[in-house]
Structures are given as C-alpha cells and as structure tokens.
PDB file of N, CA and C in Angstrom:
ATOM      1  N   MET A   1     -25.862  11.232  48.434  1.00  0.00           N
ATOM      2  CA  MET A   1     -25.374   9.964  47.992  1.00  0.00           C
ATOM      3  C   MET A   1     -25.983   9.568  46.658  1.00  0.00           C
ATOM      4  N   GLY A   2     -27.085  10.137  46.267  1.00  0.00           N
ATOM      5  CA  GLY A   2     -27.752   9.831  45.010  1.00  0.00           C
ATOM      6  C   GLY A   2     -26.930  10.266  43.807  1.00  0.00           C
ATOM      7  N   VAL A   3     -26.215  11.396  43.932  1.00  0.00           N
ATOM      8  CA  VAL A   3     -25.409  11.906  42.825  1.00  0.00           C
ATOM      9  C   VAL A   3     -24.199  11.015  42.606  1.00  0.00           C
ATOM     10  N   ASN A   4     -23.583  10.558  43.685  1.00  0.00           N
ATOM     11  CA  ASN A   4     -22.416   9.677  43.564  1.00  0.00           C
ATOM     12  C   ASN A   4     -22.790   8.352  42.917  1.00  0.00           C
ATOM     13  N   VAL A   5     -23.957   7.811  43.236  1.00  0.00           N
ATOM     14  CA  VAL A   5     -24.401   6.550  42.658  1.00  0.00           C
ATOM     15  C   VAL A   5     -24.680   6.731  41.167  1.00  0.00           C
ATOM     16  N   ARG A   6     -25.330   7.829  40.798  1.00  0.00           N
ATOM     17  CA  ARG A   6     -25.618   8.098  39.383  1.00  0.00           C
ATOM     18  C   ARG A   6     -24.322   8.281  38.591  1.00  0.00           C
ATOM     19  N   PHE A   7     -23.385   8.988  39.169  1.00  0.00           N
ATOM     20  CA  PHE A   7     -22.108   9.218  38.509  1.00  0.00           C
ATOM     21  C   PHE A   7     -21.380   7.888  38.293  1.00  0.00           C
ATOM     22  N   THR A   8     -21.354   7.050  39.300  1.00  0.00           N
ATOM     23  CA  THR A   8     -20.695   5.747  39.205  1.00  0.00           C
ATOM     24  C   THR A   8     -21.370   4.867  38.158  1.00  0.00           C
ATOM     25  N   VAL A   9     -22.689   4.841  38.150  1.00  0.00           N
ATOM     26  CA  VAL A   9     -23.428   4.052  37.163  1.00  0.00           C
ATOM     27  C   VAL A   9     -23.159   4.583  35.753  1.00  0.00           C
ATOM     28  N   ALA A  10     -23.100   5.899  35.599  1.00  0.00           N
ATOM     29  CA  ALA A  10     -22.834   6.490  34.292  1.00  0.00           C
ATOM     30  C   ALA A  10     -21.435   6.128  33.803  1.00  0.00           C
ATOM     31  N   ILE A  11     -20.443   6.178  34.668  1.00  0.00           N
ATOM     32  CA  ILE A  11     -19.067   5.824  34.282  1.00  0.00           C
ATOM     33  C   ILE A  11     -18.996   4.355  33.887  1.00  0.00           C
ATOM     34  N   ILE A  12     -19.626   3.480  34.656  1.00  0.00           N
ATOM     35  CA  ILE A  12     -19.624   2.055  34.338  1.00  0.00           C
ATOM     36  C   ILE A  12     -20.321   1.801  33.002  1.00  0.00           C
ATOM     37  N   ALA A  13     -21.431   2.484  32.750  1.00  0.00           N
ATOM     38  CA  ALA A  13     -22.155   2.328  31.486  1.00  0.00           C
ATOM     39  C   ALA A  13     -21.300   2.786  30.311  1.00  0.00           C
ATOM     40  N   ILE A  14     -20.598   3.896  30.472  1.00  0.00           N
ATOM     41  CA  ILE A  14     -19.725   4.401  29.399  1.00  0.00           C
ATOM     42  C   ILE A  14     -18.610   3.404  29.112  1.00  0.00           C
ATOM     43  N   ILE A  15     -18.036   2.837  30.154  1.00  0.00           N
ATOM     44  CA  ILE A  15     -16.958   1.855  29.964  1.00  0.00           C
ATOM     45  C   ILE A  15     -17.480   0.615  29.254  1.00  0.00           C
ATOM     46  N   ILE A  16     -18.613   0.119  29.664  1.00  0.00           N
ATOM     47  CA  ILE A  16     -19.175  -1.087  29.050  1.00  0.00           C
ATOM     48  C   ILE A  16     -19.541  -0.835  27.584  1.00  0.00           C
ATOM     49  N   ILE A  17     -20.189   0.283  27.326  1.00  0.00           N
ATOM     50  CA  ILE A  17     -20.561   0.617  25.946  1.00  0.00           C
ATOM     51  C   ILE A  17     -19.319   0.835  25.091  1.00  0.00           C
ATOM     52  N   GLY A  18     -18.306   1.508  25.629  1.00  0.00           N
ATOM     53  CA  GLY A  18     -17.063   1.762  24.886  1.00  0.00           C
ATOM     54  C   GLY A  18     -16.337   0.485  24.519  1.00  0.00           C
ATOM     55  N   PHE A  19     -16.135  -0.388  25.512  1.00  0.00           N
ATOM     56  CA  PHE A  19     -15.450  -1.648  25.231  1.00  0.00           C
ATOM     57  C   PHE A  19     -16.281  -2.546  24.327  1.00  0.00           C
ATOM     58  N   GLY A  20     -17.570  -2.584  24.557  1.00  0.00           N
ATOM     59  CA  GLY A  20     -18.437  -3.402  23.710  1.00  0.00           C
ATOM     60  C   GLY A  20     -18.445  -2.921  22.269  1.00  0.00           C
ATOM     61  N   GLY A  21     -18.520  -1.621  22.090  1.00  0.00           N
ATOM     62  CA  GLY A  21     -18.514  -1.052  20.741  1.00  0.00           C
ATOM     63  C   GLY A  21     -17.193  -1.286  20.029  1.00  0.00           C
ATOM     64  N   SER A  22     -16.080  -1.081  20.710  1.00  0.00           N
ATOM     65  CA  SER A  22     -14.784  -1.293  20.076  1.00  0.00           C
ATOM     66  C   SER A  22     -14.571  -2.782  19.767  1.00  0.00           C
ATOM     67  N   PHE A  23     -15.031  -3.664  20.657  1.00  0.00           N
ATOM     68  CA  PHE A  23     -14.939  -5.097  20.384  1.00  0.00           C
ATOM     69  C   PHE A  23     -15.730  -5.444  19.131  1.00  0.00           C
ATOM     70  N   TYR A  24     -16.917  -4.890  18.987  1.00  0.00           N
ATOM     71  CA  TYR A  24     -17.752  -5.159  17.811  1.00  0.00           C
ATOM     72  C   TYR A  24     -17.075  -4.666  16.538  1.00  0.00           C
ATOM     73  N   ILE A  25     -16.531  -3.470  16.579  1.00  0.00           N
ATOM     74  CA  ILE A  25     -15.904  -2.890  15.390  1.00  0.00           C
ATOM     75  C   ILE A  25     -14.708  -3.722  14.955  1.00  0.00           C
ATOM     76  N   PHE A  26     -13.855  -4.085  15.904  1.00  0.00           N
ATOM     77  CA  PHE A  26     -12.656  -4.841  15.539  1.00  0.00           C
ATOM     78  C   PHE A  26     -12.968  -6.286  15.160  1.00  0.00           C
ATOM     79  N   SER A  27     -13.944  -6.907  15.800  1.00  0.00           N
ATOM     80  CA  SER A  27     -14.249  -8.302  15.489  1.00  0.00           C
ATOM     81  C   SER A  27     -15.064  -8.464  14.210  1.00  0.00           C
ATOM     82  N   SER A  28     -15.832  -7.449  13.840  1.00  0.00           N
ATOM     83  CA  SER A  28     -16.666  -7.570  12.645  1.00  0.00           C
ATOM     84  C   SER A  28     -15.909  -7.251  11.365  1.00  0.00           C
ATOM     85  N   GLY A  29     -14.731  -6.687  11.488  1.00  0.00           N
ATOM     86  CA  GLY A  29     -13.933  -6.388  10.307  1.00  0.00           C
ATOM     87  C   GLY A  29     -14.344  -5.103   9.617  1.00  0.00           C
ATOM     88  N   LEU A  30     -14.979  -4.203  10.317  1.00  0.00           N
ATOM     89  CA  LEU A  30     -15.402  -2.946   9.702  1.00  0.00           C
ATOM     90  C   LEU A  30     -14.215  -2.083   9.293  1.00  0.00           C
ATOM     91  N   ILE A  31     -13.085  -2.271   9.946  1.00  0.00           N
ATOM     92  CA  ILE A  31     -11.931  -1.447   9.596  1.00  0.00           C
ATOM     93  C   ILE A  31     -10.922  -2.190   8.740  1.00  0.00           C
ATOM     94  N   ASP A  32     -11.304  -3.343   8.193  1.00  0.00           N
ATOM     95  CA  ASP A  32     -10.393  -4.091   7.325  1.00  0.00           C
ATOM     96  C   ASP A  32     -10.064  -3.322   6.048  1.00  0.00           C
ATOM     97  N   GLY A  33     -10.931  -2.441   5.623  1.00  0.00           N
ATOM     98  CA  GLY A  33     -10.692  -1.666   4.416  1.00  0.00           C
ATOM     99  C   GLY A  33      -9.559  -0.667   4.564  1.00  0.00           C
ATOM    100  N   ILE A  34      -9.198  -0.359   5.784  1.00  0.00           N
ATOM    101  CA  ILE A  34      -8.119   0.595   6.044  1.00  0.00           C
ATOM    102  C   ILE A  34      -6.829  -0.197   6.160  1.00  0.00           C
ATOM    103  N   LYS A  35      -5.948  -0.015   5.197  1.00  0.00           N
ATOM    104  CA  LYS A  35      -4.689  -0.738   5.206  1.00  0.00           C
ATOM    105  C   LYS A  35      -3.550   0.265   5.165  1.00  0.00           C
ATOM    106  N   ILE A  36      -2.540  -0.019   5.920  1.00  0.00           N
ATOM    107  CA  ILE A  36      -1.363   0.841   5.954  1.00  0.00           C
ATOM    108  C   ILE A  36      -0.270   0.157   5.147  1.00  0.00           C
ATOM    109  N   SER A  37       0.256   0.889   4.206  1.00  0.00           N
ATOM    110  CA  SER A  37       1.302   0.318   3.371  1.00  0.00           C
ATOM    111  C   SER A  37       2.556   0.117   4.204  1.00  0.00           C
ATOM    112  N   ALA A  38       3.070  -1.105   4.200  1.00  0.00           N
ATOM    113  CA  ALA A  38       4.205  -1.438   5.042  1.00  0.00           C
ATOM    114  C   ALA A  38       5.532  -1.244   4.320  1.00  0.00           C
ATOM    115  N   PHE A  39       5.501  -0.905   3.051  1.00  0.00           N
ATOM    116  CA  PHE A  39       6.748  -0.715   2.334  1.00  0.00           C
ATOM    117  C   PHE A  39       6.643   0.494   1.414  1.00  0.00           C
ATOM    118  N   ASP A  40       7.801   0.963   0.985  1.00  0.00           N
ATOM    119  CA  ASP A  40       7.875   2.168   0.166  1.00  0.00           C
ATOM    120  C   ASP A  40       7.790   1.789  -1.308  1.00  0.00           C
ATOM    121  N   LYS A  41       6.637   2.045  -1.900  1.00  0.00           N
ATOM    122  CA  LYS A  41       6.416   1.710  -3.304  1.00  0.00           C
ATOM    123  C   LYS A  41       7.188   2.641  -4.232  1.00  0.00           C
ATOM    124  N   SER A  42       7.472   3.848  -3.754  1.00  0.00           N
ATOM    125  CA  SER A  42       8.111   4.839  -4.621  1.00  0.00           C
ATOM    126  C   SER A  42       9.512   4.417  -5.055  1.00  0.00           C
ATOM    127  N   LYS A  43      10.220   3.653  -4.214  1.00  0.00           N
ATOM    128  CA  LYS A  43      11.569   3.246  -4.619  1.00  0.00           C
ATOM    129  C   LYS A  43      11.524   2.265  -5.792  1.00  0.00           C
ATOM    130  N   TYR A  44      10.481   1.451  -5.863  1.00  0.00           N
ATOM    131  CA  TYR A  44      10.334   0.529  -6.989  1.00  0.00           C
ATOM    132  C   TYR A  44       9.946   1.291  -8.263  1.00  0.00           C
ATOM    133  N   ILE A  45       9.087   2.280  -8.101  1.00  0.00           N
ATOM    134  CA  ILE A  45       8.682   3.096  -9.250  1.00  0.00           C
ATOM    135  C   ILE A  45       9.873   3.901  -9.765  1.00  0.00           C
ATOM    136  N   GLU A  46      10.710   4.402  -8.845  1.00  0.00           N
ATOM    137  CA  GLU A  46      11.908   5.136  -9.254  1.00  0.00           C
ATOM    138  C   GLU A  46      12.867   4.229 -10.031  1.00  0.00           C
ATOM    139  N   LYS A  47      12.971   2.967  -9.634  1.00  0.00           N
ATOM    140  CA  LYS A  47      13.840   2.031 -10.349  1.00  0.00           C
ATOM    141  C   LYS A  47      13.339   1.805 -11.769  1.00  0.00           C
ATOM    142  N   ILE A  48      12.036   1.739 -11.931  1.00  0.00           N
ATOM    143  CA  ILE A  48      11.469   1.589 -13.277  1.00  0.00           C
ATOM    144  C   ILE A  48      11.764   2.833 -14.102  1.00  0.00           C
ATOM    145  N   ASP A  49      11.584   4.015 -13.502  1.00  0.00           N
ATOM    146  CA  ASP A  49      11.867   5.262 -14.215  1.00  0.00           C
ATOM    147  C   ASP A  49      13.338   5.355 -14.610  1.00  0.00           C
ATOM    148  N   LYS A  50      14.236   4.952 -13.714  1.00  0.00           N
ATOM    149  CA  LYS A  50      15.664   4.989 -14.029  1.00  0.00           C
ATOM    150  C   LYS A  50      15.995   4.028 -15.163  1.00  0.00           C
ATOM    151  N   CYS A  51      15.354   2.877 -15.178  1.00  0.00           N
ATOM    152  CA  CYS A  51      15.582   1.911 -16.249  1.00  0.00           C
ATOM    153  C   CYS A  51      15.144   2.489 -17.588  1.00  0.00           C
ATOM    154  N   VAL A  52      13.971   3.106 -17.601  1.00  0.00           N
ATOM    155  CA  VAL A  52      13.470   3.711 -18.832  1.00  0.00           C
ATOM    156  C   VAL A  52      14.406   4.819 -19.294  1.00  0.00           C
ATOM    157  N   GLU A  53      14.886   5.644 -18.361  1.00  0.00           N
ATOM    158  CA  GLU A  53      15.809   6.727 -18.718  1.00  0.00           C
ATOM    159  C   GLU A  53      17.132   6.178 -19.235  1.00  0.00           C
ATOM    160  N   SER A  54      17.621   5.091 -18.640  1.00  0.00           N
ATOM    161  CA  SER A  54      18.897   4.529 -19.081  1.00  0.00           C
ATOM    162  C   SER A  54      18.785   3.905 -20.468  1.00  0.00           C
ATOM    163  N   GLN A  55      17.585   3.497 -20.841  1.00  0.00           N
ATOM    164  CA  GLN A  55      17.368   2.898 -22.150  1.00  0.00           C
ATOM    165  C   GLN A  55      17.109   3.949 -23.221  1.00  0.00           C
ATOM    166  N   THR A  56      17.031   5.193 -22.820  1.00  0.00           N
ATOM    167  CA  THR A  56      16.784   6.284 -23.752  1.00  0.00           C
ATOM    168  C   THR A  56      18.094   7.022 -24.002  1.00  0.00           C
ATOM    169  N   ALA A  57      18.502   7.088 -25.243  1.00  0.00           N
ATOM    170  CA  ALA A  57      19.739   7.771 -25.602  1.00  0.00           C
ATOM    171  C   ALA A  57      19.412   8.936 -26.515  1.00  0.00           C
ATOM    172  N   ASP A  58      19.753  10.131 -26.078  1.00  0.00           N
ATOM    173  CA  ASP A  58      19.496  11.370 -26.821  1.00  0.00           C
ATOM    174  C   ASP A  58      18.044  11.423 -27.302  1.00  0.00           C
ATOM    175  N   HIS A  59      17.835  11.342 -28.607  1.00  0.00           N
ATOM    176  CA  HIS A  59      16.494  11.449 -29.156  1.00  0.00           C
ATOM    177  C   HIS A  59      15.882  10.089 -29.483  1.00  0.00           C
ATOM    178  N   ILE A  60      16.658   9.041 -29.300  1.00  0.00           N
ATOM    179  CA  ILE A  60      16.161   7.702 -29.579  1.00  0.00           C
ATOM    180  C   ILE A  60      15.575   7.153 -28.286  1.00  0.00           C
ATOM    181  N   SER A  61      14.345   6.738 -28.355  1.00  0.00           N
ATOM    182  CA  SER A  61      13.699   6.243 -27.136  1.00  0.00           C
ATOM    183  C   SER A  61      13.282   4.788 -27.309  1.00  0.00           C
ATOM    184  N   LEU A  62      12.807   4.219 -26.233  1.00  0.00           N
ATOM    185  CA  LEU A  62      12.308   2.852 -26.273  1.00  0.00           C
ATOM    186  C   LEU A  62      11.090   2.760 -27.184  1.00  0.00           C
ATOM    187  N   ASN A  63      10.833   1.571 -27.665  1.00  0.00           N
ATOM    188  CA  ASN A  63       9.644   1.407 -28.495  1.00  0.00           C
ATOM    189  C   ASN A  63       8.391   1.512 -27.623  1.00  0.00           C
ATOM    190  N   SER A  64       7.268   1.636 -28.256  1.00  0.00           N
ATOM    191  CA  SER A  64       6.021   1.861 -27.517  1.00  0.00           C
ATOM    192  C   SER A  64       5.653   0.668 -26.648  1.00  0.00           C
ATOM    193  N   PHE A  65       6.044  -0.539 -27.076  1.00  0.00           N
ATOM    194  CA  PHE A  65       5.762  -1.724 -26.268  1.00  0.00           C
ATOM    195  C   PHE A  65       6.478  -1.640 -24.921  1.00  0.00           C
ATOM    196  N   ALA A  66       7.758  -1.300 -24.957  1.00  0.00           N
ATOM    197  CA  ALA A  66       8.547  -1.223 -23.721  1.00  0.00           C
ATOM    198  C   ALA A  66       8.029  -0.106 -22.808  1.00  0.00           C
ATOM    199  N   LEU A  67       7.639   1.008 -23.404  1.00  0.00           N
ATOM    200  CA  LEU A  67       7.106   2.111 -22.593  1.00  0.00           C
ATOM    201  C   LEU A  67       5.772   1.742 -21.951  1.00  0.00           C
ATOM    202  N   SER A  68       4.918   1.080 -22.718  1.00  0.00           N
ATOM    203  CA  SER A  68       3.628   0.684 -22.145  1.00  0.00           C
ATOM    204  C   SER A  68       3.823  -0.404 -21.091  1.00  0.00           C
ATOM    205  N   LEU A  69       4.808  -1.277 -21.286  1.00  0.00           N
ATOM    206  CA  LEU A  69       5.126  -2.278 -20.279  1.00  0.00           C
ATOM    207  C   LEU A  69       5.590  -1.609 -18.987  1.00  0.00           C
ATOM    208  N   ALA A  70       6.459  -0.616 -19.112  1.00  0.00           N
ATOM    209  CA  ALA A  70       6.955   0.094 -17.927  1.00  0.00           C
ATOM    210  C   ALA A  70       5.810   0.776 -17.189  1.00  0.00           C
ATOM    211  N   GLU A  71       4.900   1.397 -17.917  1.00  0.00           N
ATOM    212  CA  GLU A  71       3.751   2.044 -17.282  1.00  0.00           C
ATOM    213  C   GLU A  71       2.840   1.019 -16.615  1.00  0.00           C
ATOM    214  N   SER A  72       2.664  -0.106 -17.270  1.00  0.00           N
ATOM    215  CA  SER A  72       1.834  -1.169 -16.700  1.00  0.00           C
ATOM    216  C   SER A  72       2.453  -1.710 -15.411  1.00  0.00           C
ATOM    217  N   LEU A  73       3.762  -1.889 -15.415  1.00  0.00           N
ATOM    218  CA  LEU A  73       4.445  -2.393 -14.216  1.00  0.00           C
ATOM    219  C   LEU A  73       4.371  -1.388 -13.074  1.00  0.00           C
ATOM    220  N   LYS A  74       4.489  -0.099 -13.399  1.00  0.00           N
ATOM    221  CA  LYS A  74       4.364   0.928 -12.349  1.00  0.00           C
ATOM    222  C   LYS A  74       2.972   0.895 -11.732  1.00  0.00           C
ATOM    223  N   LYS A  75       1.968   0.716 -12.570  1.00  0.00           N
ATOM    224  CA  LYS A  75       0.593   0.657 -12.078  1.00  0.00           C
ATOM    225  C   LYS A  75       0.392  -0.568 -11.177  1.00  0.00           C
ATOM    226  N   GLN A  76       0.980  -1.702 -11.583  1.00  0.00           N
ATOM    227  CA  GLN A  76       0.876  -2.915 -10.772  1.00  0.00           C
ATOM    228  C   GLN A  76       1.532  -2.732  -9.407  1.00  0.00           C
ATOM    229  N   ILE A  77       2.671  -2.045  -9.381  1.00  0.00           N
ATOM    230  CA  ILE A  77       3.349  -1.792  -8.114  1.00  0.00           C
ATOM    231  C   ILE A  77       2.517  -0.880  -7.237  1.00  0.00           C
ATOM    232  N   GLU A  78       1.887   0.122  -7.832  1.00  0.00           N
ATOM    233  CA  GLU A  78       1.038   1.023  -7.051  1.00  0.00           C
ATOM    234  C   GLU A  78      -0.137   0.283  -6.427  1.00  0.00           C
ATOM    235  N   GLU A  79      -0.635  -0.746  -7.102  1.00  0.00           N
ATOM    236  CA  GLU A  79      -1.814  -1.467  -6.625  1.00  0.00           C
ATOM    237  C   GLU A  79      -1.490  -2.580  -5.633  1.00  0.00           C
ATOM    238  N   THR A  80      -0.241  -3.038  -5.596  1.00  0.00           N
ATOM    239  CA  THR A  80       0.093  -4.156  -4.721  1.00  0.00           C
ATOM    240  C   THR A  80       0.302  -3.696  -3.281  1.00  0.00           C
ATOM    241  N   GLU A  81       0.073  -4.608  -2.360  1.00  0.00           N
ATOM    242  CA  GLU A  81       0.294  -4.345  -0.944  1.00  0.00           C
ATOM    243  C   GLU A  81       1.410  -5.227  -0.395  1.00  0.00           C
ATOM    244  N   ASP A  82       2.012  -6.044  -1.261  1.00  0.00           N
ATOM    245  CA  ASP A  82       3.022  -6.995  -0.841  1.00  0.00           C
ATOM    246  C   ASP A  82       4.362  -6.636  -1.470  1.00  0.00           C
ATOM    247  N   GLU A  83       5.389  -6.512  -0.651  1.00  0.00           N
ATOM    248  CA  GLU A  83       6.697  -6.123  -1.166  1.00  0.00           C
ATOM    249  C   GLU A  83       7.309  -7.207  -2.045  1.00  0.00           C
ATOM    250  N   ASN A  84       7.049  -8.469  -1.747  1.00  0.00           N
ATOM    251  CA  ASN A  84       7.576  -9.553  -2.586  1.00  0.00           C
ATOM    252  C   ASN A  84       6.982  -9.501  -3.985  1.00  0.00           C
ATOM    253  N   THR A  85       5.711  -9.149  -4.077  1.00  0.00           N
ATOM    254  CA  THR A  85       5.077  -8.995  -5.387  1.00  0.00           C
ATOM    255  C   THR A  85       5.721  -7.844  -6.151  1.00  0.00           C
ATOM    256  N   ALA A  86       6.026  -6.756  -5.456  1.00  0.00           N
ATOM    257  CA  ALA A  86       6.686  -5.617  -6.105  1.00  0.00           C
ATOM    258  C   ALA A  86       8.063  -6.022  -6.624  1.00  0.00           C
ATOM    259  N   LYS A  87       8.769  -6.838  -5.862  1.00  0.00           N
ATOM    260  CA  LYS A  87      10.084  -7.310  -6.311  1.00  0.00           C
ATOM    261  C   LYS A  87       9.947  -8.187  -7.552  1.00  0.00           C
ATOM    262  N   GLU A  88       8.918  -9.029  -7.591  1.00  0.00           N
ATOM    263  CA  GLU A  88       8.688  -9.877  -8.760  1.00  0.00           C
ATOM    264  C   GLU A  88       8.340  -9.039  -9.983  1.00  0.00           C
ATOM    265  N   ILE A  89       7.562  -7.998  -9.778  1.00  0.00           N
ATOM    266  CA  ILE A  89       7.203  -7.108 -10.890  1.00  0.00           C
ATOM    267  C   ILE A  89       8.453  -6.430 -11.435  1.00  0.00           C
ATOM    268  N   LEU A  90       9.325  -5.973 -10.551  1.00  0.00           N
ATOM    269  CA  LEU A  90      10.563  -5.324 -10.966  1.00  0.00           C
ATOM    270  C   LEU A  90      11.475  -6.326 -11.679  1.00  0.00           C
ATOM    271  N   ALA A  91      11.469  -7.571 -11.231  1.00  0.00           N
ATOM    272  CA  ALA A  91      12.278  -8.609 -11.887  1.00  0.00           C
ATOM    273  C   ALA A  91      11.806  -8.836 -13.318  1.00  0.00           C
ATOM    274  N   ARG A  92      10.499  -8.736 -13.557  1.00  0.00           N
ATOM    275  CA  ARG A  92       9.978  -8.871 -14.931  1.00  0.00           C
ATOM    276  C   ARG A  92      10.540  -7.785 -15.828  1.00  0.00           C
ATOM    277  N   LEU A  93      10.672  -6.566 -15.292  1.00  0.00           N
ATOM    278  CA  LEU A  93      11.235  -5.470 -16.070  1.00  0.00           C
ATOM    279  C   LEU A  93      12.686  -5.782 -16.430  1.00  0.00           C
ATOM    280  N   TYR A  94      13.435  -6.289 -15.458  1.00  0.00           N
ATOM    281  CA  TYR A  94      14.836  -6.619 -15.706  1.00  0.00           C
ATOM    282  C   TYR A  94      14.988  -7.758 -16.704  1.00  0.00           C
ATOM    283  N   ASP A  95      14.017  -8.667 -16.735  1.00  0.00           N
ATOM    284  CA  ASP A  95      14.069  -9.766 -17.706  1.00  0.00           C
ATOM    285  C   ASP A  95      13.837  -9.273 -19.126  1.00  0.00           C
ATOM    286  N   VAL A  96      12.969  -8.291 -19.277  1.00  0.00           N
ATOM    287  CA  VAL A  96      12.588  -7.816 -20.604  1.00  0.00           C
ATOM    288  C   VAL A  96      13.584  -6.802 -21.151  1.00  0.00           C
ATOM    289  N   THR A  97      14.187  -6.007 -20.286  1.00  0.00           N
ATOM    290  CA  THR A  97      15.111  -4.962 -20.733  1.00  0.00           C
ATOM    291  C   THR A  97      16.541  -5.348 -20.396  1.00  0.00           C
ATOM    292  N   SER A  98      17.456  -4.498 -20.792  1.00  0.00           N
ATOM    293  CA  SER A  98      18.859  -4.753 -20.469  1.00  0.00           C
ATOM    294  C   SER A  98      19.290  -4.009 -19.206  1.00  0.00           C
ATOM    295  N   CYS A  99      18.316  -3.543 -18.435  1.00  0.00           N
ATOM    296  CA  CYS A  99      18.628  -2.874 -17.177  1.00  0.00           C
ATOM    297  C   CYS A  99      19.136  -3.900 -16.184  1.00  0.00           C
ATOM    298  N   GLU A 100      19.997  -3.440 -15.301  1.00  0.00           N
ATOM    299  CA  GLU A 100      20.552  -4.326 -14.283  1.00  0.00           C
ATOM    300  C   GLU A 100      19.919  -3.996 -12.937  1.00  0.00           C
ATOM    301  N   PRO A 101      19.704  -5.017 -12.117  1.00  0.00           N
ATOM    302  CA  PRO A 101      19.097  -4.779 -10.799  1.00  0.00           C
ATOM    303  C   PRO A 101      19.972  -3.973  -9.867  1.00  0.00           C
TER     304      PRO A 101
END
C-alpha cells in the first residue's frame, strides 16, 4: 500500500505544480511577446508593388520620392499588427499616387 500512496501523492503534486506553473506564466504576461499575426500582410505589400509597377512605363520610372515612400509604406505594413492600420497605410499610397484601390 506504500507504493500506491506514493504514486498518488506524486500524481497530485505534478498536477498542482503543472496548473500552478501554467497559471503563473499566463497571468504574469511572460508570453505576451509572442504574437500571432491575424491578417495577411503580404496582400497589402503586393498592392503597393502593383501600384509601383503600374506607375512605371517602359524605361521611365517613378521619382525617388515616390519609390522611397512606397518602401517606407511597405516597412510600416510589415511592422503593424493591426489590419485597419495597414488599410490606412495603403490609403495614403492611393492618395499620393494615381493608383486606384
């Protein structure tokens, strides 16, 4: 009967330590740094690339300001975690260029 009691105590201890540890990790915010992107950023970046390509005719390209703006907007989209912010960034591109949404 001594082995059964030790086994039961060990299982209870593992359960208590497991739940206590997971409660601590989730409540302390240790995993807040891990974020899952909820939207596809690549479709917004592709729209910027298509706009830049549509503004380029044969050997004539956009001026350096427009190209640097497009690169800056792509970088902003890569850094954002909010889809509404990405839409606003894309709207800025449409305001500055003659690209259509």
